[in-house]
Every structure is written in structure tokens, then in C-alpha cells.
C-alpha atoms as a PDB file:
ATOM      1  CA  UNK A   1      76.527  95.455  54.665  1.00  0.00           C
ATOM      2  CA  UNK A   2      75.380  93.225  57.443  1.00  0.00           C
ATOM      3  CA  UNK A   3      78.875  91.882  57.796  1.00  0.00           C
ATOM      4  CA  UNK A   4      80.306  95.385  58.306  1.00  0.00           C
ATOM      5  CA  UNK A   5      77.793  96.213  60.932  1.00  0.00           C
ATOM      6  CA  UNK A   6      78.419  92.995  62.729  1.00  0.00           C
ATOM      7  CA  UNK A   7      82.207  93.487  62.567  1.00  0.00           C
ATOM      8  CA  UNK A   8      81.795  96.963  63.878  1.00  0.00           C
ATOM      9  CA  UNK A   9      79.479  96.025  66.672  1.00  0.00           C
ATOM     10  CA  UNK A  10      81.952  93.294  67.631  1.00  0.00           C
ATOM     11  CA  UNK A  11      84.742  95.756  67.814  1.00  0.00           C
ATOM     12  CA  UNK A  12      83.055  98.254  69.914  1.00  0.00           C
ATOM     13  CA  UNK A  13      81.926  95.340  72.274  1.00  0.00           C
ATOM     14  CA  UNK A  14      85.458  94.014  72.374  1.00  0.00           C
ATOM     15  CA  UNK A  15      86.740  97.546  73.181  1.00  0.00           C
ATOM     16  CA  UNK A  16      84.357  98.072  75.953  1.00  0.00           C
ATOM     17  CA  UNK A  17      84.900  94.668  77.546  1.00  0.00           C
ATOM     18  CA  UNK A  18      88.698  95.111  77.329  1.00  0.00           C
ATOM     19  CA  UNK A  19      88.541  98.566  79.183  1.00  0.00           C
ATOM     20  CA  UNK A  20      89.193  97.775  82.782  1.00  0.00           C
ATOM     21  CA  UNK A  21      87.709 100.431  84.869  1.00  0.00           C
ATOM     22  CA  UNK A  22      88.878  98.833  88.120  1.00  0.00           C
ATOM     23  CA  UNK A  23      91.780 100.917  89.879  1.00  0.00           C
ATOM     24  CA  UNK A  24      95.186  99.244  89.724  1.00  0.00           C
ATOM     25  CA  UNK A  25      98.568 100.440  91.013  1.00  0.00           C
ATOM     26  CA  UNK A  26      99.772 100.611  87.333  1.00  0.00           C
ATOM     27  CA  UNK A  27      96.987 103.147  86.496  1.00  0.00           C
ATOM     28  CA  UNK A  28      97.672 105.143  89.830  1.00  0.00           C
ATOM     29  CA  UNK A  29     101.357 105.373  88.906  1.00  0.00           C
ATOM     30  CA  UNK A  30     100.518 106.603  85.336  1.00  0.00           C
ATOM     31  CA  UNK A  31      98.021 109.176  86.635  1.00  0.00           C
ATOM     32  CA  UNK A  32     100.333 110.618  89.324  1.00  0.00           C
ATOM     33  CA  UNK A  33     103.836 110.416  87.699  1.00  0.00           C
ATOM     34  CA  UNK A  34     103.753 113.974  86.587  1.00  0.00           C
ATOM     35  CA  UNK A  35     102.087 115.576  89.487  1.00  0.00           C
ATOM     36  CA  UNK A  36     103.890 118.200  91.671  1.00  0.00           C
ATOM     37  CA  UNK A  37     103.929 116.466  94.969  1.00  0.00           C
ATOM     38  CA  UNK A  38     104.931 113.026  93.530  1.00  0.00           C
ATOM     39  CA  UNK A  39     108.365 111.728  92.704  1.00  0.00           C
ATOM     40  CA  UNK A  40     108.417 108.871  90.206  1.00  0.00           C
ATOM     41  CA  UNK A  41     111.377 106.714  89.478  1.00  0.00           C
ATOM     42  CA  UNK A  42     112.025 103.491  87.371  1.00  0.00           C
ATOM     43  CA  UNK A  43     114.903 101.388  88.459  1.00  0.00           C
ATOM     44  CA  UNK A  44     116.523  98.664  86.414  1.00  0.00           C
ATOM     45  CA  UNK A  45     118.595  95.677  87.652  1.00  0.00           C
ATOM     46  CA  UNK A  46     121.645  97.540  86.589  1.00  0.00           C
ATOM     47  CA  UNK A  47     121.347  99.605  89.828  1.00  0.00           C
ATOM     48  CA  UNK A  48     122.844  96.529  91.684  1.00  0.00           C
ATOM     49  CA  UNK A  49     126.114  96.925  89.742  1.00  0.00           C
ATOM     50  CA  UNK A  50     127.154  93.272  90.635  1.00  0.00           C
ATOM     51  CA  UNK A  51     129.837  91.106  89.128  1.00  0.00           C
ATOM     52  CA  UNK A  52     127.662  88.467  87.544  1.00  0.00           C
ATOM     53  CA  UNK A  53     130.650  86.034  87.263  1.00  0.00           C
ATOM     54  CA  UNK A  54     130.824  85.817  91.022  1.00  0.00           C
ATOM     55  CA  UNK A  55     127.120  84.881  91.380  1.00  0.00           C
ATOM     56  CA  UNK A  56     126.045  81.453  92.296  1.00  0.00           C
ATOM     57  CA  UNK A  57     123.472  79.596  90.042  1.00  0.00           C
ATOM     58  CA  UNK A  58     120.803  80.366  92.480  1.00  0.00           C
ATOM     59  CA  UNK A  59     121.783  84.014  92.766  1.00  0.00           C
ATOM     60  CA  UNK A  60     121.924  84.329  88.848  1.00  0.00           C
ATOM     61  CA  UNK A  61     118.449  82.885  88.619  1.00  0.00           C
ATOM     62  CA  UNK A  62     117.125  85.238  91.324  1.00  0.00           C
ATOM     63  CA  UNK A  63     118.608  88.228  89.625  1.00  0.00           C
ATOM     64  CA  UNK A  64     117.238  87.219  86.201  1.00  0.00           C
ATOM     65  CA  UNK A  65     113.784  87.029  87.641  1.00  0.00           C
ATOM     66  CA  UNK A  66     113.874  90.666  88.679  1.00  0.00           C
ATOM     67  CA  UNK A  67     112.950  92.971  85.652  1.00  0.00           C
ATOM     68  CA  UNK A  68     112.499  96.361  87.139  1.00  0.00           C
ATOM     69  CA  UNK A  69     111.258  98.505  90.054  1.00  0.00           C
ATOM     70  CA  UNK A  70     108.854 101.344  89.770  1.00  0.00           C
ATOM     71  CA  UNK A  71     108.867 103.688  92.736  1.00  0.00           C
ATOM     72  CA  UNK A  72     106.129 106.408  93.318  1.00  0.00           C
ATOM     73  CA  UNK A  73     106.466 108.612  96.389  1.00  0.00           C
ATOM     74  CA  UNK A  74     104.258 111.448  97.738  1.00  0.00           C
ATOM     75  CA  UNK A  75     106.225 114.151  99.716  1.00  0.00           C
ATOM     76  CA  UNK A  76     103.918 115.427 102.442  1.00  0.00           C
ATOM     77  CA  UNK A  77     104.383 118.809 103.984  1.00  0.00           C
ATOM     78  CA  UNK A  78     102.305 121.164 106.073  1.00  0.00           C
ATOM     79  CA  UNK A  79     100.350 122.519 103.093  1.00  0.00           C
ATOM     80  CA  UNK A  80      99.326 119.296 101.538  1.00  0.00           C
ATOM     81  CA  UNK A  81      98.204 117.052 104.450  1.00  0.00           C
ATOM     82  CA  UNK A  82      94.561 116.733 103.154  1.00  0.00           C
ATOM     83  CA  UNK A  83      95.891 115.560  99.670  1.00  0.00           C
ATOM     84  CA  UNK A  84      98.330 113.314 101.430  1.00  0.00           C
ATOM     85  CA  UNK A  85      95.373 111.623 103.366  1.00  0.00           C
ATOM     86  CA  UNK A  86      93.316 111.376 100.075  1.00  0.00           C
ATOM     87  CA  UNK A  87      96.160 109.748  98.040  1.00  0.00           C
ATOM     88  CA  UNK A  88      97.134 107.377 100.885  1.00  0.00           C
ATOM     89  CA  UNK A  89      93.559 106.287 101.081  1.00  0.00           C
ATOM     90  CA  UNK A  90      93.536 105.698  97.299  1.00  0.00           C
ATOM     91  CA  UNK A  91      96.582 103.355  97.513  1.00  0.00           C
ATOM     92  CA  UNK A  92      95.146 101.629 100.480  1.00  0.00           C
ATOM     93  CA  UNK A  93      91.870 100.912  98.660  1.00  0.00           C
ATOM     94  CA  UNK A  94      93.857  99.572  95.598  1.00  0.00           C
ATOM     95  CA  UNK A  95      95.802  97.207  97.930  1.00  0.00           C
ATOM     96  CA  UNK A  96      92.581  95.916  99.382  1.00  0.00           C
ATOM     97  CA  UNK A  97      91.715  94.314  96.069  1.00  0.00           C
ATOM     98  CA  UNK A  98      92.119  90.424  96.414  1.00  0.00           C
ATOM     99  CA  UNK A  99      94.647  90.488  93.603  1.00  0.00           C
ATOM    100  CA  UNK A 100      97.117  92.013  96.076  1.00  0.00           C
ATOM    101  CA  UNK A 101      97.889  89.255  98.549  1.00  0.00           C
ATOM    102  CA  UNK A 102      99.289  90.725 101.854  1.00  0.00           C
ATOM    103  CA  UNK A 103     102.409  89.004 103.174  1.00  0.00           C
ATOM    104  CA  UNK A 104     103.308  91.277 106.002  1.00  0.00           C
ATOM    105  CA  UNK A 105     102.173  94.411 107.685  1.00  0.00           C
ATOM    106  CA  UNK A 106     104.078  96.545 110.375  1.00  0.00           C
ATOM    107  CA  UNK A 107     103.175  99.743 112.224  1.00  0.00           C
ATOM    108  CA  UNK A 108      99.945 101.477 112.859  1.00  0.00           C
ATOM    109  CA  UNK A 109      97.385 102.875 110.724  1.00  0.00           C
ATOM    110  CA  UNK A 110      99.023 106.367 110.536  1.00  0.00           C
ATOM    111  CA  UNK A 111     102.660 105.135 110.080  1.00  0.00           C
ATOM    112  CA  UNK A 112     103.634 101.767 108.818  1.00  0.00           C
ATOM    113  CA  UNK A 113     104.413  99.506 105.872  1.00  0.00           C
ATOM    114  CA  UNK A 114     102.898  96.525 104.083  1.00  0.00           C
ATOM    115  CA  UNK A 115     104.306  93.922 101.592  1.00  0.00           C
ATOM    116  CA  UNK A 116     102.000  92.376  99.223  1.00  0.00           C
ATOM    117  CA  UNK A 117     102.296  90.405  96.003  1.00  0.00           C
ATOM    118  CA  UNK A 118     100.506  89.522  92.819  1.00  0.00           C
ATOM    119  CA  UNK A 119     100.494  85.989  91.452  1.00  0.00           C
ATOM    120  CA  UNK A 120     100.924  82.753  93.274  1.00  0.00           C
ATOM    121  CA  UNK A 121     103.661  81.221  95.400  1.00  0.00           C
ATOM    122  CA  UNK A 122     105.484  79.689  92.413  1.00  0.00           C
ATOM    123  CA  UNK A 123     105.125  82.507  89.973  1.00  0.00           C
ATOM    124  CA  UNK A 124     105.015  86.008  91.486  1.00  0.00           C
ATOM    125  CA  UNK A 125     104.664  88.822  89.009  1.00  0.00           C
ATOM    126  CA  UNK A 126     104.994  91.759  91.321  1.00  0.00           C
ATOM    127  CA  UNK A 127     105.991  92.548  94.888  1.00  0.00           C
ATOM    128  CA  UNK A 128     104.410  95.641  96.326  1.00  0.00           C
ATOM    129  CA  UNK A 129     105.845  97.621  99.219  1.00  0.00           C
ATOM    130  CA  UNK A 130     103.812 100.445 100.597  1.00  0.00           C
ATOM    131  CA  UNK A 131     105.234 102.628 103.329  1.00  0.00           C
ATOM    132  CA  UNK A 132     103.958 105.663 104.852  1.00  0.00           C
ATOM    133  CA  UNK A 133     104.583 108.298 107.504  1.00  0.00           C
ATOM    134  CA  UNK A 134     102.420 111.375 108.035  1.00  0.00           C
ATOM    135  CA  UNK A 135     105.450 113.703 108.412  1.00  0.00           C
ATOM    136  CA  UNK A 136     107.197 112.512 105.203  1.00  0.00           C
ATOM    137  CA  UNK A 137     104.647 111.115 102.970  1.00  0.00           C
ATOM    138  CA  UNK A 138     104.421 107.671 101.421  1.00  0.00           C
ATOM    139  CA  UNK A 139     106.161 105.528  98.841  1.00  0.00           C
ATOM    140  CA  UNK A 140     104.765 102.614  96.822  1.00  0.00           C
ATOM    141  CA  UNK A 141     107.493 100.286  95.257  1.00  0.00           C
ATOM    142  CA  UNK A 142     106.524  97.737  92.619  1.00  0.00           C
ATOM    143  CA  UNK A 143     109.171  95.056  92.089  1.00  0.00           C
ATOM    144  CA  UNK A 144     108.308  93.490  88.694  1.00  0.00           C
ATOM    145  CA  UNK A 145     109.639  90.242  87.349  1.00  0.00           C
ATOM    146  CA  UNK A 146     109.041  86.912  85.837  1.00  0.00           C
ATOM    147  CA  UNK A 147     108.832  83.654  87.728  1.00  0.00           C
ATOM    148  CA  UNK A 148     109.733  85.345  91.065  1.00  0.00           C
ATOM    149  CA  UNK A 149     109.185  83.312  94.078  1.00  0.00           C
ATOM    150  CA  UNK A 150     109.713  84.032  97.844  1.00  0.00           C
ATOM    151  CA  UNK A 151     113.118  82.034  97.664  1.00  0.00           C
ATOM    152  CA  UNK A 152     114.354  84.303  94.713  1.00  0.00           C
ATOM    153  CA  UNK A 153     113.463  87.329  96.769  1.00  0.00           C
ATOM    154  CA  UNK A 154     115.455  86.036  99.782  1.00  0.00           C
ATOM    155  CA  UNK A 155     118.262  85.065  97.444  1.00  0.00           C
ATOM    156  CA  UNK A 156     118.079  88.559  95.793  1.00  0.00           C
ATOM    157  CA  UNK A 157     118.773  90.069  99.261  1.00  0.00           C
ATOM    158  CA  UNK A 158     122.066  88.070  99.445  1.00  0.00           C
ATOM    159  CA  UNK A 159     122.994  89.569  95.947  1.00  0.00           C
ATOM    160  CA  UNK A 160     122.162  93.092  97.371  1.00  0.00           C
ATOM    161  CA  UNK A 161     124.951  92.555 100.079  1.00  0.00           C
ATOM    162  CA  UNK A 162     127.495  91.949  97.281  1.00  0.00           C
ATOM    163  CA  UNK A 163     126.378  94.752  95.003  1.00  0.00           C
ATOM    164  CA  UNK A 164     127.788  98.267  94.626  1.00  0.00           C
ATOM    165  CA  UNK A 165     124.342 100.047  94.291  1.00  0.00           C
ATOM    166  CA  UNK A 166     124.385 102.868  91.770  1.00  0.00           C
ATOM    167  CA  UNK A 167     123.240 105.721  93.994  1.00  0.00           C
ATOM    168  CA  UNK A 168     122.826 107.991  90.805  1.00  0.00           C
ATOM    169  CA  UNK A 169     119.688 106.014  89.943  1.00  0.00           C
ATOM    170  CA  UNK A 170     118.221 106.822  93.215  1.00  0.00           C
ATOM    171  CA  UNK A 171     119.011 110.609  93.335  1.00  0.00           C
ATOM    172  CA  UNK A 172     115.500 111.751  92.782  1.00  0.00           C
ATOM    173  CA  UNK A 173     114.362 110.038  95.901  1.00  0.00           C
ATOM    174  CA  UNK A 174     116.675 112.499  97.978  1.00  0.00           C
ATOM    175  CA  UNK A 175     113.881 115.060  97.681  1.00  0.00           C
ATOM    176  CA  UNK A 176     111.685 112.775  99.902  1.00  0.00           C
ATOM    177  CA  UNK A 177     113.996 112.771 102.827  1.00  0.00           C
ATOM    178  CA  UNK A 178     114.881 116.453 102.881  1.00  0.00           C
END
């Protein structure tokens, strides 16, 4: 009987400890994917539509480090400016967590973009691009992968030049620029 109580108490404690109440981009994406002012999109590496046989070893390695991209965009309009400001503040607060290391920031507080990453220089798990403009809204792009590094990202840019991007996968984002 004491063993069962001990095991039950241990499982409850383990559950409470494993529940991370800290906000994260992943949680933010999950919470907002289905909401009406948001556009959500998951993009696979197949979007690049590239002939892998023509890639160099370095380019193949860079492409293989890229697993997927998650995009969440908030489409602003005249009626939802207060919500836009609230949601933008939430994303900014999440990105202030030391876990997200900022690489670059451009623009002003109202309009601009930032690039951050999670991990270390040799093993980047996630790149985060956050761009916002009061008239259009904002977008958060999570580039997820394994063993990504800054060199892989730069090499991936050269692969982009050779690719024939499958625009069909990006079709949902057209709503954001209309």
C-alpha cells in the first residue's frame, strides 16, 4: 500500500515538474493556429523543389539540416489594431527569453524584423524570424532543423537560388498581402 502511494505521489510530482508554464513560440503557435485573424502554414523542404543530384556536398549537408518551417502570421486591419498590438507584444515578450539569442534586428519599434536562434553556434535547433508592420500585421517564421549552423544557413541561401520554389505551399500567405 505504501509503495502504491509513493508511486502515485512520484508520478504526480513528475507531471507537475514536467509541465513547463513558461511561454514559448511553439505554445504560441499551437494556441493561435486556428484563430480567425491568424494564418498558419507548415512548409517542408520539398518546397525548394531542387535537383539533389546537382548539389555540392556542402549544399546537400545544409539542405539535410533543414527539417521544416512553421509560419504564423497575424493579418492586421482597421478593426483589430488593439488585438494586433496585444499579440505583437506577446511574441516580443517570448523572444526576450534568453533562450532566443538575437542575431540581428532591423527597423524601428513599430515596423521591423529580427532574426534569433535557439541552440549554440555549432548546433542551432531553430532560427526565428519575426517581422511586423502596423498596416499589414506580423509573421513569425520558425526554421527547424538538426545540426544547423550559420554556414549551413548561408549555404542554404545558395540552394534557394537554384530551386524552383513550389508556390502552391505558400498560397495561404497570399491572404496576408491582399
